[in-house]
Amino acid sequence: MAIERKDRPQTVKVWLNLLGRYGFNFDWFEERHNTKWAALGALAAVAGVFVGIYFGFMSLKNSTPSPQVEPTPSEEETL
């Protein structure tokens, strides 16, 4: 590691690439997969929202109201 901050690797990716013998090179992954995975994640999120809205409305539509309990007439009212 260099003493001066400006001479040090600024990211872990750069540091790993400087090691060389391990052959870490993440540039190909970032270029090819970032947009693909971001688009796939966004599509999954939008689909999840629509599915949630659909099932939410269906549960409201199919819910049965709770039964109304009518008071039992007392003996005085029936006489």
N, C-alpha and C. Protein backbone atom coordinates (compact mmCIF):
# COMPACT_ATOMS: atom_id res chain seq x y z
N MET A 1 0.85 -1.18 0.00
CA MET A 1 0.00 0.00 0.00
C MET A 1 0.89 1.23 0.00
N ALA A 2 0.47 2.19 -0.77
CA ALA A 2 1.23 3.43 -0.88
C ALA A 2 0.93 4.33 0.31
N ILE A 3 1.89 5.17 0.64
CA ILE A 3 1.70 6.10 1.75
C ILE A 3 0.72 7.20 1.37
N GLU A 4 0.87 7.73 0.18
CA GLU A 4 -0.01 8.81 -0.29
C GLU A 4 -1.36 8.22 -0.71
N ARG A 5 -2.41 8.87 -0.29
CA ARG A 5 -3.75 8.40 -0.59
C ARG A 5 -4.02 8.33 -2.09
N LYS A 6 -3.54 9.31 -2.83
CA LYS A 6 -3.79 9.35 -4.28
C LYS A 6 -3.11 8.22 -5.03
N ASP A 7 -2.06 7.62 -4.42
CA ASP A 7 -1.34 6.53 -5.06
C ASP A 7 -1.93 5.16 -4.76
N ARG A 8 -2.89 5.10 -3.86
CA ARG A 8 -3.52 3.82 -3.50
C ARG A 8 -4.66 3.49 -4.47
N PRO A 9 -5.00 2.21 -4.60
CA PRO A 9 -6.18 1.84 -5.40
C PRO A 9 -7.43 2.45 -4.76
N GLN A 10 -8.31 3.00 -5.57
CA GLN A 10 -9.48 3.71 -5.05
C GLN A 10 -10.68 2.80 -4.82
N THR A 11 -10.67 1.63 -5.41
CA THR A 11 -11.77 0.69 -5.20
C THR A 11 -11.20 -0.71 -4.98
N VAL A 12 -12.02 -1.58 -4.44
CA VAL A 12 -11.60 -2.97 -4.23
C VAL A 12 -11.39 -3.65 -5.57
N LYS A 13 -12.21 -3.31 -6.56
CA LYS A 13 -12.07 -3.90 -7.89
C LYS A 13 -10.70 -3.59 -8.48
N VAL A 14 -10.27 -2.35 -8.38
CA VAL A 14 -8.96 -1.97 -8.89
C VAL A 14 -7.86 -2.69 -8.12
N TRP A 15 -8.00 -2.78 -6.81
CA TRP A 15 -7.01 -3.45 -5.98
C TRP A 15 -6.89 -4.93 -6.36
N LEU A 16 -8.03 -5.60 -6.54
CA LEU A 16 -8.00 -7.01 -6.93
C LEU A 16 -7.38 -7.19 -8.31
N ASN A 17 -7.68 -6.27 -9.23
CA ASN A 17 -7.10 -6.36 -10.57
C ASN A 17 -5.59 -6.14 -10.54
N LEU A 18 -5.12 -5.33 -9.59
CA LEU A 18 -3.68 -5.11 -9.46
C LEU A 18 -2.96 -6.35 -8.94
N LEU A 19 -3.66 -7.22 -8.23
CA LEU A 19 -3.03 -8.43 -7.74
C LEU A 19 -2.56 -9.32 -8.88
N GLY A 20 -3.30 -9.29 -9.97
CA GLY A 20 -2.88 -9.95 -11.20
C GLY A 20 -2.92 -11.46 -11.18
N ARG A 21 -2.23 -12.11 -10.27
CA ARG A 21 -2.13 -13.56 -10.34
C ARG A 21 -3.45 -14.26 -10.07
N TYR A 22 -4.39 -13.58 -9.44
CA TYR A 22 -5.70 -14.18 -9.18
C TYR A 22 -6.64 -14.01 -10.35
N GLY A 23 -6.33 -13.10 -11.23
CA GLY A 23 -7.11 -12.94 -12.44
C GLY A 23 -8.50 -12.38 -12.24
N PHE A 24 -8.69 -11.53 -11.24
CA PHE A 24 -9.99 -10.91 -11.04
C PHE A 24 -10.18 -9.79 -12.04
N ASN A 25 -11.16 -9.94 -12.87
CA ASN A 25 -11.49 -8.88 -13.82
C ASN A 25 -13.00 -8.82 -13.90
N PHE A 26 -13.56 -7.80 -13.30
CA PHE A 26 -15.01 -7.69 -13.21
C PHE A 26 -15.60 -6.78 -14.27
N ASP A 27 -14.76 -6.22 -15.14
CA ASP A 27 -15.27 -5.30 -16.15
C ASP A 27 -16.27 -5.97 -17.08
N TRP A 28 -16.00 -7.20 -17.49
CA TRP A 28 -16.90 -7.88 -18.41
C TRP A 28 -18.27 -8.10 -17.78
N PHE A 29 -18.29 -8.38 -16.49
CA PHE A 29 -19.56 -8.62 -15.81
C PHE A 29 -20.38 -7.34 -15.72
N GLU A 30 -19.75 -6.25 -15.36
CA GLU A 30 -20.46 -4.99 -15.22
C GLU A 30 -21.01 -4.51 -16.56
N GLU A 31 -20.24 -4.67 -17.62
CA GLU A 31 -20.69 -4.19 -18.93
C GLU A 31 -21.86 -5.00 -19.46
N ARG A 32 -21.83 -6.31 -19.29
CA ARG A 32 -22.84 -7.17 -19.90
C ARG A 32 -24.07 -7.38 -19.02
N HIS A 33 -23.89 -7.43 -17.72
CA HIS A 33 -24.98 -7.91 -16.88
C HIS A 33 -25.70 -6.84 -16.09
N ASN A 34 -25.11 -5.69 -15.90
CA ASN A 34 -25.77 -4.69 -15.07
C ASN A 34 -27.11 -4.26 -15.64
N THR A 35 -27.16 -3.92 -16.91
CA THR A 35 -28.42 -3.48 -17.49
C THR A 35 -29.42 -4.62 -17.58
N LYS A 36 -28.93 -5.81 -17.86
CA LYS A 36 -29.82 -6.98 -17.96
C LYS A 36 -30.46 -7.27 -16.61
N TRP A 37 -29.67 -7.28 -15.54
CA TRP A 37 -30.21 -7.59 -14.22
C TRP A 37 -31.06 -6.45 -13.69
N ALA A 38 -30.69 -5.22 -14.00
CA ALA A 38 -31.49 -4.09 -13.56
C ALA A 38 -32.86 -4.12 -14.22
N ALA A 39 -32.90 -4.41 -15.51
CA ALA A 39 -34.17 -4.48 -16.22
C ALA A 39 -35.01 -5.65 -15.71
N LEU A 40 -34.37 -6.77 -15.45
CA LEU A 40 -35.09 -7.93 -14.94
C LEU A 40 -35.65 -7.65 -13.54
N GLY A 41 -34.87 -6.99 -12.71
CA GLY A 41 -35.33 -6.64 -11.37
C GLY A 41 -36.49 -5.66 -11.40
N ALA A 42 -36.41 -4.67 -12.29
CA ALA A 42 -37.49 -3.70 -12.42
C ALA A 42 -38.76 -4.38 -12.92
N LEU A 43 -38.63 -5.27 -13.86
CA LEU A 43 -39.79 -6.00 -14.39
C LEU A 43 -40.42 -6.87 -13.29
N ALA A 44 -39.60 -7.53 -12.50
CA ALA A 44 -40.12 -8.35 -11.41
C ALA A 44 -40.82 -7.48 -10.36
N ALA A 45 -40.28 -6.31 -10.09
CA ALA A 45 -40.90 -5.42 -9.11
C ALA A 45 -42.26 -4.93 -9.60
N VAL A 46 -42.34 -4.54 -10.86
CA VAL A 46 -43.61 -4.07 -11.43
C VAL A 46 -44.63 -5.20 -11.43
N ALA A 47 -44.20 -6.39 -11.83
CA ALA A 47 -45.11 -7.54 -11.83
C ALA A 47 -45.59 -7.85 -10.41
N GLY A 48 -44.71 -7.74 -9.43
CA GLY A 48 -45.09 -7.97 -8.04
C GLY A 48 -46.11 -6.98 -7.55
N VAL A 49 -45.96 -5.73 -7.95
CA VAL A 49 -46.94 -4.70 -7.55
C VAL A 49 -48.30 -5.02 -8.15
N PHE A 50 -48.34 -5.36 -9.44
CA PHE A 50 -49.62 -5.66 -10.07
C PHE A 50 -50.27 -6.91 -9.48
N VAL A 51 -49.49 -7.91 -9.19
CA VAL A 51 -50.04 -9.12 -8.58
C VAL A 51 -50.58 -8.81 -7.20
N GLY A 52 -49.86 -8.00 -6.44
CA GLY A 52 -50.33 -7.60 -5.11
C GLY A 52 -51.62 -6.81 -5.17
N ILE A 53 -51.71 -5.88 -6.12
CA ILE A 53 -52.94 -5.10 -6.28
C ILE A 53 -54.10 -6.01 -6.67
N TYR A 54 -53.86 -6.92 -7.60
CA TYR A 54 -54.90 -7.83 -8.05
C TYR A 54 -55.45 -8.67 -6.90
N PHE A 55 -54.55 -9.31 -6.16
CA PHE A 55 -55.01 -10.16 -5.06
C PHE A 55 -55.62 -9.34 -3.93
N GLY A 56 -55.16 -8.11 -3.75
CA GLY A 56 -55.77 -7.24 -2.75
C GLY A 56 -57.21 -6.92 -3.09
N PHE A 57 -57.45 -6.56 -4.35
CA PHE A 57 -58.82 -6.26 -4.76
C PHE A 57 -59.69 -7.50 -4.77
N MET A 58 -59.13 -8.63 -5.16
CA MET A 58 -59.93 -9.86 -5.18
C MET A 58 -60.32 -10.27 -3.76
N SER A 59 -59.43 -10.05 -2.80
CA SER A 59 -59.78 -10.42 -1.43
C SER A 59 -60.86 -9.49 -0.89
N LEU A 60 -60.84 -8.23 -1.29
CA LEU A 60 -61.90 -7.31 -0.86
C LEU A 60 -63.23 -7.65 -1.53
N LYS A 61 -63.17 -8.01 -2.80
CA LYS A 61 -64.38 -8.33 -3.56
C LYS A 61 -65.05 -9.60 -3.02
N ASN A 62 -64.24 -10.59 -2.67
CA ASN A 62 -64.78 -11.88 -2.25
C ASN A 62 -65.02 -11.98 -0.75
N SER A 63 -64.71 -10.95 -0.02
CA SER A 63 -64.90 -11.04 1.43
C SER A 63 -66.39 -10.93 1.76
N THR A 64 -66.82 -11.72 2.69
CA THR A 64 -68.22 -11.68 3.11
C THR A 64 -68.35 -10.79 4.32
N PRO A 65 -69.41 -10.02 4.36
CA PRO A 65 -69.56 -9.14 5.52
C PRO A 65 -69.83 -9.97 6.78
N SER A 66 -69.42 -9.44 7.89
CA SER A 66 -69.66 -10.16 9.13
C SER A 66 -71.16 -10.14 9.44
N PRO A 67 -71.67 -11.22 9.97
CA PRO A 67 -73.12 -11.31 10.22
C PRO A 67 -73.55 -10.27 11.26
N GLN A 68 -74.71 -9.71 11.00
CA GLN A 68 -75.27 -8.73 11.93
C GLN A 68 -76.03 -9.47 13.03
N VAL A 69 -75.71 -9.18 14.23
CA VAL A 69 -76.36 -9.83 15.36
C VAL A 69 -77.49 -8.92 15.82
N GLU A 70 -78.69 -9.49 15.78
CA GLU A 70 -79.84 -8.71 16.22
C GLU A 70 -80.10 -9.01 17.69
N PRO A 71 -80.45 -8.01 18.42
CA PRO A 71 -80.68 -8.26 19.85
C PRO A 71 -81.89 -9.16 20.06
N THR A 72 -81.78 -10.00 21.05
CA THR A 72 -82.88 -10.88 21.41
C THR A 72 -83.90 -10.07 22.21
N PRO A 73 -85.18 -10.18 21.80
CA PRO A 73 -86.16 -9.42 22.55
C PRO A 73 -86.27 -9.90 24.00
N SER A 74 -86.39 -8.97 24.87
CA SER A 74 -86.51 -9.35 26.29
C SER A 74 -87.93 -9.85 26.56
N GLU A 75 -88.13 -10.46 27.71
CA GLU A 75 -89.45 -11.00 28.06
C GLU A 75 -90.49 -9.90 28.19
N GLU A 76 -90.09 -8.72 28.64
CA GLU A 76 -91.03 -7.64 28.80
C GLU A 76 -91.58 -7.16 27.46
N GLU A 77 -90.73 -7.19 26.41
CA GLU A 77 -91.18 -6.71 25.10
C GLU A 77 -92.12 -7.70 24.45
N THR A 78 -92.00 -8.98 24.74
CA THR A 78 -92.85 -9.98 24.11
C THR A 78 -94.21 -10.10 24.79
N LEU A 79 -94.37 -9.60 25.99
CA LEU A 79 -95.66 -9.70 26.70
C LEU A 79 -96.58 -8.61 26.33
